[in-house]
C-alpha atoms as a PDB file:
ATOM      1  CA  MET A   1     100.914 313.430 209.138  1.00  0.00           C
ATOM      2  CA  LEU A   2      99.092 316.286 207.375  1.00  0.00           C
ATOM      3  CA  ILE A   3      95.406 316.704 208.495  1.00  0.00           C
ATOM      4  CA  ASP A   4      93.097 318.114 206.092  1.00  0.00           C
ATOM      5  CA  CYS A   5      89.887 318.105 207.560  1.00  0.00           C
ATOM      6  CA  GLU A   6      87.875 318.980 204.111  1.00  0.00           C
ATOM      7  CA  ARG A   7      88.992 315.263 202.864  1.00  0.00           C
ATOM      8  CA  CYS A   8      88.334 313.513 205.963  1.00  0.00           C
ATOM      9  CA  VAL A   9      85.692 310.942 205.465  1.00  0.00           C
ATOM     10  CA  MET A  10      84.476 311.357 209.125  1.00  0.00           C
ATOM     11  CA  ARG A  11      83.739 315.183 208.800  1.00  0.00           C
ATOM     12  CA  ASP A  12      80.607 316.152 210.386  1.00  0.00           C
ATOM     13  CA  ILE A  13      80.598 312.959 212.051  1.00  0.00           C
ATOM     14  CA  ALA A  14      82.793 312.401 214.622  1.00  0.00           C
ATOM     15  CA  CYS A  15      84.306 316.137 214.588  1.00  0.00           C
ATOM     16  CA  ALA A  16      83.427 316.258 218.396  1.00  0.00           C
ATOM     17  CA  ASP A  17      85.345 313.393 219.395  1.00  0.00           C
ATOM     18  CA  CYS A  18      88.251 314.021 217.167  1.00  0.00           C
ATOM     19  CA  VAL A  19      91.982 315.410 219.021  1.00  0.00           C
ATOM     20  CA  VAL A  20      92.206 318.112 215.889  1.00  0.00           C
ATOM     21  CA  THR A  21      89.041 319.490 217.168  1.00  0.00           C
ATOM     22  CA  ALA A  22      90.367 318.961 220.864  1.00  0.00           C
ATOM     23  CA  LEU A  23      93.365 321.415 219.764  1.00  0.00           C
ATOM     24  CA  LEU A  24      92.384 323.761 216.936  1.00  0.00           C
ATOM     25  CA  GLY A  25      88.210 323.936 217.061  1.00  0.00           C
ATOM     26  CA  PRO A  26      85.803 322.906 215.373  1.00  0.00           C
ATOM     27  CA  PRO A  27      85.790 322.748 211.241  1.00  0.00           C
ATOM     28  CA  GLY A  28      83.919 326.543 210.337  1.00  0.00           C
ATOM     29  CA  GLN A  29      84.911 328.144 213.859  1.00  0.00           C
ATOM     30  CA  PRO A  30      88.235 330.372 213.742  1.00  0.00           C
ATOM     31  CA  ALA A  31      91.257 328.048 214.707  1.00  0.00           C
ATOM     32  CA  ALA A  32      92.813 328.135 218.024  1.00  0.00           C
ATOM     33  CA  GLU A  33      96.238 328.755 218.066  1.00  0.00           C
ATOM     34  CA  ILE A  34      98.686 326.368 219.370  1.00  0.00           C
ATOM     35  CA  GLY A  35     100.930 328.131 222.001  1.00  0.00           C
ATOM     36  CA  GLU A  36     104.710 327.070 222.456  1.00  0.00           C
ATOM     37  CA  ALA A  37     104.013 324.944 225.357  1.00  0.00           C
ATOM     38  CA  GLU A  38     101.332 323.074 223.521  1.00  0.00           C
ATOM     39  CA  ARG A  39     103.944 322.650 220.377  1.00  0.00           C
ATOM     40  CA  ARG A  40     106.648 321.017 223.226  1.00  0.00           C
ATOM     41  CA  ALA A  41     103.788 318.683 224.506  1.00  0.00           C
ATOM     42  CA  LEU A  42     103.553 317.626 221.719  1.00  0.00           C
ATOM     43  CA  ARG A  43     106.731 317.073 220.687  1.00  0.00           C
ATOM     44  CA  VAL A  44     107.765 316.007 224.366  1.00  0.00           C
ATOM     45  CA  LEU A  45     104.482 313.116 222.758  1.00  0.00           C
ATOM     46  CA  ALA A  46     105.679 312.756 219.509  1.00  0.00           C
ATOM     47  CA  ASP A  47     109.860 312.103 221.071  1.00  0.00           C
ATOM     48  CA  ALA A  48     108.081 309.364 222.601  1.00  0.00           C
ATOM     49  CA  ARG A  49     106.406 308.219 219.659  1.00  0.00           C
ATOM     50  CA  MET A  50     103.104 308.454 221.738  1.00  0.00           C
ATOM     51  CA  VAL A  51     102.002 311.024 218.858  1.00  0.00           C
ATOM     52  CA  SER A  52     102.666 311.583 214.974  1.00  0.00           C
ATOM     53  CA  PRO A  53     104.968 314.950 214.838  1.00  0.00           C
ATOM     54  CA  LEU A  54     103.094 318.071 214.492  1.00  0.00           C
ATOM     55  CA  ARG A  55     103.528 319.098 210.322  1.00  0.00           C
ATOM     56  CA  MET A  56     101.015 321.610 210.258  1.00  0.00           C
ATOM     57  CA  ARG A  57     102.707 324.747 208.798  1.00  0.00           C
ATOM     58  CA  GLU A  58     101.969 328.499 208.085  1.00  0.00           C
ATOM     59  CA  PRO A  59     101.678 329.323 204.348  1.00  0.00           C
ATOM     60  CA  VAL A  60     104.325 331.077 203.428  1.00  0.00           C
ATOM     61  CA  ALA A  61     104.037 334.820 202.050  1.00  0.00           C
ATOM     62  CA  ARG A  62     105.616 334.817 198.047  1.00  0.00           C
ATOM     63  CA  ALA A  63     107.300 338.187 197.495  1.00  0.00           C
ATOM     64  CA  SER A  64     105.612 340.278 194.384  1.00  0.00           C
END
């Protein structure tokens, strides 16, 4: 699952009750970083099929 808050139809309506906001902070604010402990916890939940796997990826710098 790729999450793009810019395309979310609930943006600015339900952000305060969104799991993405709980994990990363509200839109427009500096994002909180997901640490290794949180990544492991999300992996356990995903392996149990309780949540979708974390698909967030960091941008890769291109060589110039």
